[in-house]
Every structure is written in C-alpha cells, then in structure tokens.
Protein backbone atom coordinates (compact mmCIF):
# COMPACT_ATOMS: atom_id res chain seq x y z
CA MET A 1 -11.66 -28.94 -20.70
CA ALA A 2 -10.98 -25.23 -21.06
CA ASP A 3 -8.84 -24.25 -18.08
CA HIS A 4 -7.76 -20.68 -18.80
CA ILE A 5 -9.44 -17.45 -17.68
CA LEU A 6 -9.31 -14.09 -19.46
CA ALA A 7 -9.35 -11.23 -16.93
CA LEU A 8 -10.31 -7.78 -18.20
CA ASP A 9 -8.94 -5.12 -15.84
CA GLN A 10 -10.49 -1.80 -16.82
CA GLY A 11 -8.77 0.91 -14.75
CA THR A 12 -8.79 4.68 -14.47
CA THR A 13 -5.91 5.31 -16.89
CA SER A 14 -5.64 2.09 -18.91
CA SER A 15 -7.43 -1.06 -20.02
CA ARG A 16 -5.56 -4.29 -19.39
CA ALA A 17 -6.12 -7.94 -20.21
CA ILE A 18 -4.40 -10.92 -18.59
CA ILE A 19 -4.81 -14.63 -19.25
CA PHE A 20 -4.32 -16.91 -16.23
CA ASP A 21 -3.91 -20.66 -16.39
CA GLY A 22 -5.33 -23.12 -13.86
CA GLU A 23 -2.17 -22.77 -11.74
CA CYS A 24 -2.72 -18.98 -11.36
CA ASN A 25 0.17 -18.12 -13.69
CA ALA A 26 -0.28 -15.02 -15.85
CA ILE A 27 0.71 -16.38 -19.25
CA ALA A 28 0.01 -13.27 -21.35
CA LYS A 29 -0.67 -9.57 -20.71
CA ALA A 30 -1.66 -6.57 -22.81
CA GLN A 31 -2.39 -2.96 -21.92
CA ARG A 32 -3.77 0.13 -23.67
CA GLU A 33 -3.82 3.61 -22.13
CA PHE A 34 -6.59 6.09 -22.88
CA LYS A 35 -7.16 9.82 -22.61
CA GLN A 36 -8.09 11.70 -19.42
CA ILE A 37 -10.52 14.56 -20.07
CA TYR A 38 -10.64 17.60 -17.75
CA PRO A 39 -13.51 19.91 -18.84
CA SER A 40 -13.11 22.18 -15.80
CA PRO A 41 -11.17 22.22 -12.50
CA GLY A 42 -12.06 19.17 -10.40
CA HIS A 43 -14.09 17.57 -13.20
CA VAL A 44 -12.81 14.36 -14.84
CA GLU A 45 -14.35 12.49 -17.78
CA HIS A 46 -13.53 9.53 -20.06
CA ASP A 47 -14.70 8.71 -23.57
CA PRO A 48 -16.75 5.49 -23.09
CA LEU A 49 -16.11 4.32 -26.66
CA GLU A 50 -12.35 4.73 -26.12
CA ILE A 51 -12.65 2.64 -22.94
CA TRP A 52 -14.50 -0.07 -24.89
CA GLY A 53 -12.08 0.13 -27.83
CA THR A 54 -8.96 -0.13 -25.68
CA GLN A 55 -10.41 -2.97 -23.60
CA LEU A 56 -11.42 -4.98 -26.67
CA ALA A 57 -8.03 -4.38 -28.33
CA ALA A 58 -6.20 -5.54 -25.18
CA ALA A 59 -8.36 -8.68 -24.98
CA GLN A 60 -7.83 -9.55 -28.64
CA GLU A 61 -4.08 -8.91 -28.37
CA VAL A 62 -3.66 -11.09 -25.29
CA LEU A 63 -5.49 -13.99 -26.95
CA GLN A 64 -3.25 -13.70 -30.00
CA GLN A 65 -0.13 -13.40 -27.82
CA SER A 66 -1.04 -16.52 -25.81
CA LYS A 67 -1.66 -18.58 -28.99
CA LEU A 68 -4.79 -19.97 -27.30
CA ALA A 69 -8.03 -20.57 -29.17
CA PRO A 70 -11.29 -19.04 -27.84
CA GLU A 71 -12.42 -22.54 -26.82
CA ASP A 72 -9.42 -22.75 -24.45
CA ILE A 73 -10.89 -19.87 -22.40
CA ALA A 74 -13.34 -21.17 -19.79
CA GLY A 75 -14.65 -17.70 -19.02
CA ILE A 76 -14.05 -13.97 -18.83
CA GLY A 77 -13.86 -12.05 -15.53
CA ILE A 78 -14.33 -8.28 -15.56
CA THR A 79 -12.90 -5.94 -12.92
CA ASN A 80 -13.23 -2.21 -13.22
CA GLN A 81 -12.89 1.33 -11.89
CA ARG A 82 -16.04 1.45 -9.81
CA GLU A 83 -18.01 4.69 -9.48
CA THR A 84 -17.44 5.91 -13.06
CA VAL A 85 -20.77 5.96 -14.89
CA VAL A 86 -22.08 5.94 -18.50
CA ILE A 87 -25.49 6.51 -20.13
CA TRP A 88 -25.93 5.22 -23.70
CA ASP A 89 -28.55 4.81 -26.42
CA LYS A 90 -30.30 1.46 -26.09
CA LYS A 91 -30.48 0.86 -29.86
CA THR A 92 -27.20 2.25 -31.17
CA GLY A 93 -24.92 1.84 -28.14
CA GLN A 94 -23.74 5.44 -28.58
CA PRO A 95 -23.01 7.23 -25.29
CA VAL A 96 -25.14 10.34 -24.75
CA HIS A 97 -22.35 12.03 -22.75
CA ASN A 98 -18.78 11.26 -21.69
CA ALA A 99 -18.38 8.93 -18.70
CA ILE A 100 -18.08 10.89 -15.45
CA VAL A 101 -15.11 9.48 -13.53
CA TRP A 102 -15.05 8.51 -9.85
CA GLN A 103 -12.47 11.27 -9.20
CA SER A 104 -14.76 14.02 -10.51
CA ARG A 105 -16.11 16.58 -8.03
CA ILE A 106 -18.64 18.02 -10.52
CA THR A 107 -21.62 16.96 -8.38
CA SER A 108 -20.36 18.41 -5.08
CA SER A 109 -23.17 20.99 -5.05
CA ILE A 110 -25.80 18.25 -5.48
CA CYS A 111 -24.26 16.43 -2.51
CA ASP A 112 -24.31 19.61 -0.43
CA ARG A 113 -28.05 19.95 -1.11
CA LEU A 114 -28.71 16.34 -0.11
CA LYS A 115 -26.84 16.90 3.16
CA ALA A 116 -28.73 20.15 3.77
CA ASP A 117 -31.97 18.19 3.29
CA GLY A 118 -30.94 15.96 6.21
CA LEU A 119 -30.43 12.79 4.15
CA THR A 120 -27.01 11.75 5.50
CA ASP A 121 -28.30 9.12 7.96
CA LEU A 122 -30.84 7.71 5.48
CA VAL A 123 -28.18 7.24 2.80
CA GLN A 124 -25.75 5.58 5.21
CA GLN A 125 -28.42 3.30 6.68
CA LYS A 126 -29.53 2.02 3.26
CA THR A 127 -26.29 2.06 1.24
CA GLY A 128 -23.45 2.01 3.79
CA LEU A 129 -22.04 5.11 2.09
CA ILE A 130 -21.62 8.75 3.00
CA ILE A 131 -23.03 11.43 0.69
CA ASP A 132 -20.16 12.39 -1.61
CA ALA A 133 -19.52 13.28 -5.26
CA TYR A 134 -17.30 10.16 -5.39
CA PHE A 135 -20.34 7.90 -5.89
CA SER A 136 -22.33 7.31 -9.08
CA GLY A 137 -25.90 8.35 -8.18
CA THR A 138 -25.41 12.10 -8.33
CA LYS A 139 -23.37 11.68 -11.55
CA ILE A 140 -26.38 9.97 -13.19
CA GLN A 141 -28.69 12.77 -12.01
CA TYR A 142 -26.24 15.35 -13.36
CA ILE A 143 -26.13 13.78 -16.87
CA LEU A 144 -29.93 13.37 -16.98
CA ASP A 145 -30.34 17.04 -16.11
CA LYS A 146 -27.54 18.36 -18.33
CA VAL A 147 -28.27 16.69 -21.69
CA PRO A 148 -31.33 18.30 -23.37
CA GLY A 149 -34.27 15.90 -23.75
CA LEU A 150 -32.46 13.06 -21.95
CA ARG A 151 -34.94 12.78 -19.06
CA GLU A 152 -37.81 12.27 -21.51
CA ARG A 153 -35.79 9.62 -23.36
CA ALA A 154 -34.92 7.91 -20.07
CA ASN A 155 -38.59 7.83 -19.03
CA LYS A 156 -39.47 6.27 -22.40
CA GLY A 157 -36.84 3.54 -21.90
CA GLU A 158 -34.69 4.68 -24.84
CA VAL A 159 -31.40 4.82 -22.90
CA LEU A 160 -29.50 2.55 -20.54
CA CYS A 161 -27.19 3.39 -17.66
CA GLY A 162 -24.42 1.58 -15.85
CA THR A 163 -20.99 1.58 -14.30
CA ILE A 164 -18.07 0.47 -16.49
CA ASP A 165 -18.62 -3.28 -15.86
CA THR A 166 -22.17 -2.97 -17.20
CA PHE A 167 -21.08 -0.97 -20.27
CA LEU A 168 -18.37 -3.53 -21.09
CA LEU A 169 -20.72 -6.49 -20.67
CA TRP A 170 -23.38 -4.83 -22.84
CA ASN A 171 -20.81 -4.35 -25.61
CA LEU A 172 -19.24 -7.79 -25.19
CA SER A 173 -22.67 -9.41 -25.51
CA GLY A 174 -23.63 -7.40 -28.58
CA GLY A 175 -26.24 -5.43 -26.63
CA LYS A 176 -27.99 -8.47 -25.14
CA LEU A 177 -26.95 -8.21 -21.48
CA HIS A 178 -27.65 -5.21 -19.20
CA VAL A 179 -26.35 -6.51 -15.88
CA THR A 180 -24.19 -5.49 -12.93
CA ASP A 181 -23.15 -7.17 -9.67
CA PRO A 182 -23.54 -6.02 -6.03
CA THR A 183 -19.89 -4.88 -5.67
CA ASN A 184 -20.46 -2.25 -8.34
CA ALA A 185 -24.14 -1.55 -7.60
CA CYS A 186 -23.32 -0.79 -3.96
CA ARG A 187 -21.07 2.12 -5.04
CA THR A 188 -23.87 4.04 -6.75
CA MET A 189 -25.62 5.45 -3.63
CA LEU A 190 -28.81 3.92 -5.12
CA PHE A 191 -28.45 0.30 -3.96
CA ASN A 192 -29.78 -1.06 -0.67
CA ILE A 193 -27.05 -3.34 0.73
CA HIS A 194 -29.56 -5.09 3.02
CA THR A 195 -32.24 -5.96 0.43
CA LEU A 196 -29.64 -6.28 -2.38
CA ASP A 197 -31.82 -4.28 -4.76
CA TRP A 198 -32.16 -0.76 -6.14
CA ASP A 199 -33.82 1.40 -3.48
CA GLU A 200 -37.06 3.05 -4.61
CA GLU A 201 -36.82 5.88 -2.06
CA LEU A 202 -33.30 6.85 -3.14
CA LEU A 203 -34.23 6.61 -6.83
CA LYS A 204 -37.10 9.01 -6.16
CA ILE A 205 -34.88 11.45 -4.22
CA LEU A 206 -32.36 11.60 -7.08
CA ASN A 207 -35.08 11.43 -9.76
CA ILE A 208 -33.58 8.42 -11.56
CA PRO A 209 -35.93 6.02 -13.40
CA ARG A 210 -35.34 2.42 -12.33
CA GLU A 211 -35.84 1.21 -15.92
CA ILE A 212 -32.47 2.58 -17.05
CA LEU A 213 -30.55 0.66 -14.37
CA PRO A 214 -29.14 -2.86 -14.91
CA GLU A 215 -30.32 -6.14 -13.42
CA VAL A 216 -28.19 -7.18 -10.41
CA GLN A 217 -26.72 -10.71 -10.48
CA PRO A 218 -24.10 -12.41 -8.22
CA THR A 219 -20.42 -11.51 -8.55
CA SER A 220 -19.40 -15.02 -9.67
CA PHE A 221 -22.04 -16.01 -12.22
CA VAL A 222 -22.30 -16.98 -15.90
CA TYR A 223 -24.21 -13.94 -17.21
CA GLY A 224 -24.13 -15.03 -20.86
CA ASP A 225 -21.78 -15.23 -23.84
CA THR A 226 -19.78 -12.73 -25.86
CA ASN A 227 -20.74 -11.88 -29.42
CA SER A 228 -18.98 -14.57 -31.50
CA GLN A 229 -17.59 -11.95 -33.92
CA LEU A 230 -15.35 -10.39 -31.25
CA PHE A 231 -13.03 -13.37 -30.65
CA GLY A 232 -13.98 -15.78 -33.44
CA LYS A 233 -16.17 -17.80 -31.09
CA SER A 234 -18.36 -16.88 -28.12
CA ILE A 235 -16.85 -17.04 -24.60
CA PRO A 236 -18.87 -17.05 -21.33
CA VAL A 237 -18.64 -13.92 -19.18
CA ALA A 238 -18.57 -15.38 -15.67
CA ALA A 239 -17.65 -12.63 -13.17
CA MET A 240 -17.89 -8.91 -12.62
CA VAL A 241 -16.31 -7.26 -9.59
CA GLY A 242 -15.30 -3.73 -8.59
CA ASP A 243 -11.52 -3.34 -8.62
CA GLN A 244 -10.96 -3.07 -4.86
CA GLN A 245 -13.22 -6.00 -4.04
CA GLY A 246 -11.46 -7.89 -6.84
CA ALA A 247 -8.10 -7.23 -5.19
CA THR A 248 -9.50 -8.38 -1.83
CA PHE A 249 -10.64 -11.66 -3.40
CA GLY A 250 -7.33 -12.00 -5.28
CA GLN A 251 -5.51 -11.61 -1.95
CA CYS A 252 -7.63 -14.48 -0.55
CA CYS A 253 -9.04 -12.36 2.30
CA PHE A 254 -11.87 -14.87 2.70
CA GLU A 255 -11.95 -14.99 6.50
CA LYS A 256 -13.63 -12.41 8.70
CA GLY A 257 -10.95 -10.09 10.10
CA THR A 258 -8.53 -10.33 7.15
CA ALA A 259 -7.63 -7.15 5.29
CA LYS A 260 -5.72 -5.85 2.28
CA ASN A 261 -4.47 -2.43 1.24
CA THR A 262 -3.93 -1.47 -2.40
CA TYR A 263 -1.34 1.25 -3.06
CA GLY A 264 -2.27 2.75 -6.40
CA THR A 265 -3.18 6.29 -7.46
CA GLY A 266 -5.13 6.27 -4.21
CA CYS A 267 -5.11 3.77 -1.35
CA PHE A 268 -8.01 1.42 -0.70
CA MET A 269 -8.08 -0.69 2.44
CA LEU A 270 -10.79 -3.35 2.85
CA LEU A 271 -11.52 -5.44 5.94
CA ASN A 272 -13.67 -8.57 5.62
CA THR A 273 -16.46 -8.28 8.23
CA GLY A 274 -18.28 -11.51 7.31
CA SER A 275 -21.94 -12.08 6.48
CA GLU A 276 -23.28 -9.03 8.33
CA PRO A 277 -22.73 -5.39 7.31
CA VAL A 278 -20.96 -3.33 10.01
CA LYS A 279 -22.06 0.29 10.27
CA SER A 280 -19.20 2.76 10.53
CA ASN A 281 -19.18 5.54 13.11
CA ASN A 282 -15.72 6.66 12.02
CA GLY A 283 -15.96 7.78 8.40
CA LEU A 284 -15.57 4.40 6.68
CA LEU A 285 -17.79 2.86 4.02
CA THR A 286 -19.81 -0.32 4.49
CA THR A 287 -19.74 -2.17 1.20
CA VAL A 288 -20.44 -5.54 -0.43
CA ALA A 289 -17.24 -7.56 -0.79
CA TRP A 290 -18.78 -10.16 -3.13
CA GLN A 291 -21.84 -12.36 -3.65
CA LEU A 292 -21.38 -16.08 -4.34
CA GLY A 293 -24.75 -17.72 -4.99
CA ASP A 294 -27.04 -16.45 -2.24
CA LYS A 295 -24.17 -15.82 0.17
CA VAL A 296 -23.07 -12.21 0.58
CA THR A 297 -19.83 -11.11 2.25
CA TYR A 298 -19.44 -7.52 3.47
CA CYS A 299 -16.45 -5.34 4.27
CA LEU A 300 -15.47 -2.00 5.71
CA GLU A 301 -13.54 0.20 3.30
CA GLY A 302 -11.30 3.20 3.77
CA SER A 303 -10.81 5.19 0.56
CA ILE A 304 -7.71 7.41 0.41
CA PHE A 305 -7.75 9.69 -2.64
CA ILE A 306 -4.02 10.47 -2.99
CA ALA A 307 -1.34 7.81 -2.44
CA GLY A 308 0.93 6.98 -5.40
CA ALA A 309 -0.29 10.23 -7.00
CA VAL A 310 1.86 12.15 -4.50
CA VAL A 311 4.95 10.49 -6.06
CA GLN A 312 3.73 11.53 -9.53
CA TRP A 313 3.35 15.08 -8.21
CA LEU A 314 6.97 15.12 -6.99
CA ARG A 315 8.05 13.75 -10.38
CA ASP A 316 5.95 15.87 -12.77
CA GLU A 317 5.20 19.16 -11.01
CA MET A 318 8.14 19.43 -8.58
CA GLN A 319 10.61 17.63 -10.92
CA PHE A 320 12.43 15.90 -8.05
CA PHE A 321 13.21 12.93 -10.33
CA THR A 322 12.33 11.59 -13.78
CA ASP A 323 11.24 8.05 -12.80
CA SER A 324 8.89 7.33 -9.90
CA ALA A 325 11.08 4.40 -8.81
CA GLU A 326 13.85 6.89 -7.95
CA ILE A 327 11.94 8.14 -4.91
CA GLU A 328 13.15 5.25 -2.75
CA LYS A 329 16.81 6.14 -3.34
CA LEU A 330 16.17 9.87 -2.77
CA ALA A 331 14.17 9.24 0.42
CA ALA A 332 16.91 6.91 1.74
CA GLU A 333 19.39 9.81 1.73
CA ALA A 334 17.61 11.13 4.85
CA LYS A 335 17.49 8.99 8.01
CA ASP A 336 14.05 10.51 8.75
CA THR A 337 11.90 13.44 7.58
CA GLY A 338 13.50 15.92 9.98
CA GLY A 339 10.08 16.62 11.47
CA VAL A 340 8.42 17.33 8.08
CA TYR A 341 4.90 16.01 7.36
CA LEU A 342 3.25 16.16 3.93
CA VAL A 343 -0.56 15.81 3.91
CA PRO A 344 -1.48 15.25 0.22
CA ALA A 345 -5.03 16.63 0.30
CA PHE A 346 -4.80 17.68 -3.36
CA VAL A 347 -8.48 16.83 -4.00
CA GLY A 348 -9.65 16.99 -0.40
CA LEU A 349 -9.35 14.20 2.14
CA GLY A 350 -11.17 10.86 1.94
CA ALA A 351 -11.59 8.38 4.79
CA PRO A 352 -11.91 8.88 7.66
CA TYR A 353 -12.15 12.70 7.33
CA TRP A 354 -14.26 13.27 4.18
CA ASP A 355 -13.31 16.91 3.85
CA GLN A 356 -13.68 17.89 0.18
CA ASP A 357 -12.42 21.42 0.85
CA ALA A 358 -9.12 20.43 2.53
CA ARG A 359 -5.99 21.13 0.49
CA GLY A 360 -2.42 19.84 0.63
CA THR A 361 -0.19 20.94 3.50
CA ILE A 362 3.50 20.61 4.40
CA THR A 363 4.41 21.25 8.02
CA GLY A 364 7.66 21.29 9.97
CA ILE A 365 9.86 22.87 7.29
CA THR A 366 13.14 24.32 8.58
CA ARG A 367 16.19 25.88 6.89
CA GLY A 368 17.74 22.41 6.79
CA THR A 369 14.81 20.75 4.96
CA ASN A 370 15.85 19.32 1.60
CA ARG A 371 14.42 17.22 -1.24
CA SER A 372 15.16 13.90 0.47
CA HIS A 373 13.16 14.96 3.55
CA LEU A 374 10.19 15.88 1.35
CA ALA A 375 10.48 12.63 -0.65
CA ARG A 376 10.50 10.63 2.57
CA ALA A 377 7.54 12.61 3.94
CA ALA A 378 5.61 11.89 0.71
CA LEU A 379 6.20 8.15 1.07
CA GLU A 380 5.33 8.19 4.76
CA SER A 381 2.06 10.03 4.03
CA MET A 382 0.72 6.82 2.44
CA ALA A 383 1.53 4.86 5.59
CA TYR A 384 0.06 7.49 7.93
CA GLN A 385 -3.19 7.70 5.94
CA THR A 386 -3.43 3.90 6.08
CA ALA A 387 -2.93 4.07 9.86
CA ASP A 388 -5.83 6.56 10.08
CA VAL A 389 -8.05 4.08 8.26
CA LEU A 390 -6.92 1.08 10.30
CA THR A 391 -7.60 2.96 13.55
CA ALA A 392 -11.14 3.66 12.34
CA MET A 393 -11.62 0.04 11.24
CA THR A 394 -10.53 -1.34 14.60
CA SER A 395 -12.92 1.03 16.38
CA ASP A 396 -15.87 0.15 14.09
CA SER A 397 -15.38 -3.61 13.93
CA GLY A 398 -13.77 -4.48 17.26
CA ILE A 399 -11.28 -6.56 15.24
CA ASP A 400 -7.56 -6.22 15.99
CA LEU A 401 -5.70 -6.84 12.76
CA LYS A 402 -2.91 -9.43 13.01
CA PHE A 403 -1.40 -8.71 9.58
CA LEU A 404 -2.10 -6.60 6.49
CA LYS A 405 -1.82 -7.94 2.95
CA VAL A 406 -0.63 -5.39 0.39
CA ASP A 407 -0.66 -4.94 -3.38
CA GLY A 408 -0.47 -2.19 -5.99
CA GLY A 409 2.53 -0.47 -7.54
CA ALA A 410 3.91 1.29 -4.45
CA CYS A 411 4.05 -1.92 -2.40
CA ALA A 412 7.23 -2.80 -4.34
CA ASN A 413 8.93 -0.06 -2.27
CA ASP A 414 10.59 -1.87 0.65
CA MET A 415 11.23 1.33 2.62
CA LEU A 416 7.53 2.26 2.50
CA MET A 417 6.40 -1.25 3.44
CA GLN A 418 8.76 -1.38 6.43
CA PHE A 419 7.57 2.03 7.63
CA GLN A 420 3.99 0.87 7.14
CA ALA A 421 4.58 -2.14 9.39
CA ASP A 422 6.31 0.10 11.95
CA ILE A 423 3.58 2.75 12.11
CA LEU A 424 0.76 0.16 12.23
CA GLY A 425 2.48 -2.15 14.69
CA VAL A 426 1.39 -5.18 12.62
CA SER A 427 3.18 -7.32 10.02
CA VAL A 428 2.77 -6.40 6.37
CA GLU A 429 2.63 -9.30 3.87
CA ARG A 430 3.47 -8.80 0.20
CA PRO A 431 2.40 -11.66 -2.10
CA GLN A 432 4.38 -13.17 -4.96
CA ILE A 433 1.59 -12.34 -7.43
CA LEU A 434 0.99 -8.57 -7.39
CA GLU A 435 -1.77 -8.70 -10.04
CA SER A 436 -4.33 -9.04 -7.25
CA THR A 437 -7.20 -7.17 -8.94
CA ALA A 438 -7.11 -9.13 -12.21
CA LEU A 439 -6.41 -12.35 -10.32
CA GLY A 440 -9.50 -11.78 -8.16
CA ALA A 441 -11.67 -11.40 -11.29
CA ALA A 442 -10.08 -14.57 -12.70
CA PHE A 443 -10.72 -16.52 -9.48
CA LEU A 444 -14.38 -15.47 -9.45
CA ALA A 445 -14.86 -16.41 -13.12
CA GLY A 446 -13.00 -19.68 -12.53
CA LEU A 447 -15.30 -20.57 -9.64
CA ALA A 448 -18.36 -20.04 -11.85
CA THR A 449 -16.94 -22.17 -14.67
CA GLY A 450 -15.29 -24.94 -12.64
CA VAL A 451 -11.63 -24.05 -13.28
CA TRP A 452 -11.21 -23.88 -9.49
CA LYS A 453 -13.26 -26.25 -7.35
CA ASP A 454 -13.73 -24.04 -4.29
CA MET A 455 -12.28 -21.19 -2.25
CA ASP A 456 -10.00 -23.51 -0.27
CA THR A 457 -8.31 -24.51 -3.54
CA ILE A 458 -7.86 -20.83 -4.40
CA ALA A 459 -6.57 -19.94 -0.91
CA SER A 460 -3.85 -22.59 -1.16
CA SER A 461 -2.41 -20.76 -4.19
CA TRP A 462 -1.57 -17.56 -2.23
CA ALA A 463 2.20 -17.33 -1.70
CA LEU A 464 4.25 -14.85 0.35
CA ASP A 465 7.01 -12.81 -1.32
CA LYS A 466 8.18 -10.85 1.74
CA GLU A 467 6.99 -10.13 5.27
CA PHE A 468 7.77 -6.79 6.92
CA VAL A 469 7.80 -7.09 10.72
CA PRO A 470 7.40 -3.98 12.90
CA SER A 471 10.63 -2.94 14.64
CA MET A 472 9.80 0.57 15.91
CA THR A 473 9.35 1.22 19.64
CA GLU A 474 5.85 2.12 20.80
CA ASP A 475 7.04 5.49 22.13
CA ASN A 476 8.55 6.44 18.79
CA ARG A 477 5.44 5.25 16.91
CA ASP A 478 3.17 7.33 19.16
CA LYS A 479 5.37 10.40 18.79
CA LEU A 480 5.49 10.20 14.98
CA TYR A 481 1.77 9.50 14.64
CA SER A 482 0.87 12.41 16.96
CA GLY A 483 2.87 14.68 14.66
CA TRP A 484 0.88 13.40 11.69
CA LYS A 485 -2.45 13.99 13.44
CA GLU A 486 -1.42 17.57 14.18
CA ALA A 487 -0.47 18.11 10.51
CA VAL A 488 -3.89 16.78 9.43
CA ARG A 489 -5.60 19.07 11.95
CA ARG A 490 -3.94 22.04 10.26
CA THR A 491 -5.05 20.76 6.84
CA LEU A 492 -8.77 20.34 7.58
CA SER A 493 -10.95 23.12 6.15
CA ALA A 494 -12.96 23.57 9.37
CA THR A 495 -9.88 24.60 11.39
C-alpha cells in the first residue's frame, strides 16, 4: 500500500514540496523562489504561471530526490497563501491578469466604499470577516473591472476564478477540476460560513458572477487525479487547506480551546472554537478551520501583518546585520529595550486594530539608545502583537489559554519565545517538527487516503522540542504591556 504523502506548500515568496512517510518524517524537500511584482506603492502581484511552474518543478524534484515511484504516493495535499487570487481563460489556462497578492492594498478604495454603504455588519455576519483589501472578493471585482472585455467574458462563462489552491488543482488535473475548500473559500469575503456556500447577496454587491467561482468540497477529500503526464502516473489530490489552517492542523490543535501562532513574514494566531462559529467583538476574524466529511470546525484568527518582516527591515534597510539569525545575538547585548518600543505598522495594523493608515513608530528613544535596544524592541514587537491578539481572543471566546503552540521561522529564537511566554503569562510549546503547514496538508491528505486511520493517531505523533515557562512577575508584565499599548496609541491614524 502506498504510504507516502506529497505536500505542496505554495507560499508568498516560494513554492515548496515535501514528502512525508507514514511516521511523519520529511524524507525529501525541494523549494523554488519566484518573483515579487510591485506595480505601484502598496500593490503586490505574482505571475500565476511562475507560481505553477515553480510548484510543479519542486514537486517533480522532490519525487526524483526521494527515489519513490508515483505509485508510492498515496495522495497529494495542497496548502497555500490564502487570499491571493487568479482569473484565467477556461480553454487555454492563460491568466488574464497577474495574481493579486493578499498583501496588496490596491482595493482599499473599494473597501472604503463598502464601509460607507453600511455593509460592515452584513459582511461580518455572513463571512466572519471585516471589510478589508486583504481578502479576495474586492480583488476579483478589481480585475473584472480593470481588464477590457473581461466582464462580458465572465458572464459568458469563458473564464474561471480561484485562490491559489484552485489554480494549482486545475493545472494538476489538466483543466478537469475547478474546486476549492472552505478554508480558502472563507477568506474571499464571498462565502457564507454558516451555509457553507457562496453568498448570492455578497456576489451581487461585488458584481461577481457565481459561474466563475469553484465548487466547494471538504478540506480532506479525494477531489480527483493529476494528469498522468506530470509525474509519469496519475496521483490522487486528497486535501486543500489554507496555510494557517494547515499549520493549525499540523500542530494537532484538534480540541476546542487549543491555539497555535505562526511566526513568519506576519504572525497568524488561530484558536479552535469547536463546531460553532464565535463572532468577534474585538477585531478578530471568524474563520473555518477545516471540514472533514460533514463536520466543520471553526476558529478565531488574529492576523498580524508584520512579524519576521521587521527583522528583514533591520537587515536590508537599516543594515544592522547581514543574516537574520544574528538578531538574537545583537538583542542579547542589551538586558532590556531601555524603554524603547517599536510598532512595525509598515503596511498599517492588522488584528485587533485594523488601521490601514497607521505607520511604523519608535517611541522611548534617548541619547543612550543603541542598535541592540532597537533589535530587542523589534523582536519584542512580535510578542506584544501576539499578546494583543490573545487578549482579544480571550474576551471573544471566554477561553483562558493554558499553553500556546508555536511554529514558523522566528520560533527558533529562544529569546523571543521566552519573552513571549513571559508577556502572555502562559507556557509556549515548540514542536520537534517545525514544518507545521506542510505537515497539516499531509495529515489531511493522509486521512482521506487511509495513510492515517484517525485524528487520534495523528495527535499521538506530535512531539515537544522545548517548553518556555513564564518567569516574569505580574507587575513587570503589566508595566511593559502598558508601555506597548501607549506606543500603539501613538501609532494609530485616528490619534
């Protein structure tokens, strides 16, 4: 029996492929970076064909590297950057426009109009989202309006639309499958998270024809097979999951009240709220965690736009160091920040503030402030932003977190993880396997194809690398966090 899973991890800056065996070991990995396109300030695009080309090349390389035959692969699981959207020709597969990336603010004016029309409550009630350029719906409207003749073609059914998972599946299947899953659909601002279907009222408001949107199937599900020419033999595609929900599944946050935080370019914290969606009154998103069969699990999500990117800024623009890993050593030269706070609102602030006009701020600078203070303040900004989100989550859900599971590149930084535990007042748990996103896609595909019997079997595979236990006094925690809140207050555009 085939007992390996090929996970395709299509991210914002690279396409990766990892093969996992039935014991959750990553036996082969491949990665291809691709170009970031910036047509104007605040606008980010990708070439969809470059995304497809790099993802296919990574998948083919990893199969060759592993020396496995296609028949040894039980299934493929796809995980992807979520709100990025593509429209392509139904016959030729050629994109009609570059993909508009989740980071892009190009549709901010459309969002402002929707808010002015009093649609904020309607959108939150149906989708669990706030109105923001982050999500896919306004991006689709923008492309349909921008490309000459595209609306007419869309109304005639000549083009198809989808997030990156859908575009990859369509290409993997040789143009036979036009499908998405609820974890990606729920990030479009067009999907009703209660009925689990595209919402006719929202489609009408944004003037998007339903016919161009994909069919929605469960997250763990055998959608169909790949074109046999791609890998020498067809392989079932058995899971599609948005990257942050994939990481939550990979971290085995299966129980209500468990949470994970991913420290990547941004930070994304998800709290499992069980079978019922919890409405946020504190600037969080209500989103689908995954759908297994008919059973849907929901979560609250806090999206932080700038986390690890603040380290890249210190490296590339400020030239504090040449390798991002050097920040830990530089920050350790200072016993604290000397009262300095860095609020990295480079592209506005995400949860729980949602202020797209806020810009980065450094407060508390004195004559004695040096590079190590700023490096430490940059690291601590990730922990403070996470504390903002956790405070909102506790208020919305009534759940007091007992521990936080972590993953992503920056979680390898012990100083940051200890400060995170201190400022939250809860233990932080770092797993042995840090490939949580790809592993989550593999688990979901393995469930659909029988590689793993059930979720209990999967949960037993999670292993702790290191636990960070809070050691800061409550008085000190309150004092530091109050300073952060004051720095954020000065950053917000309304003040």
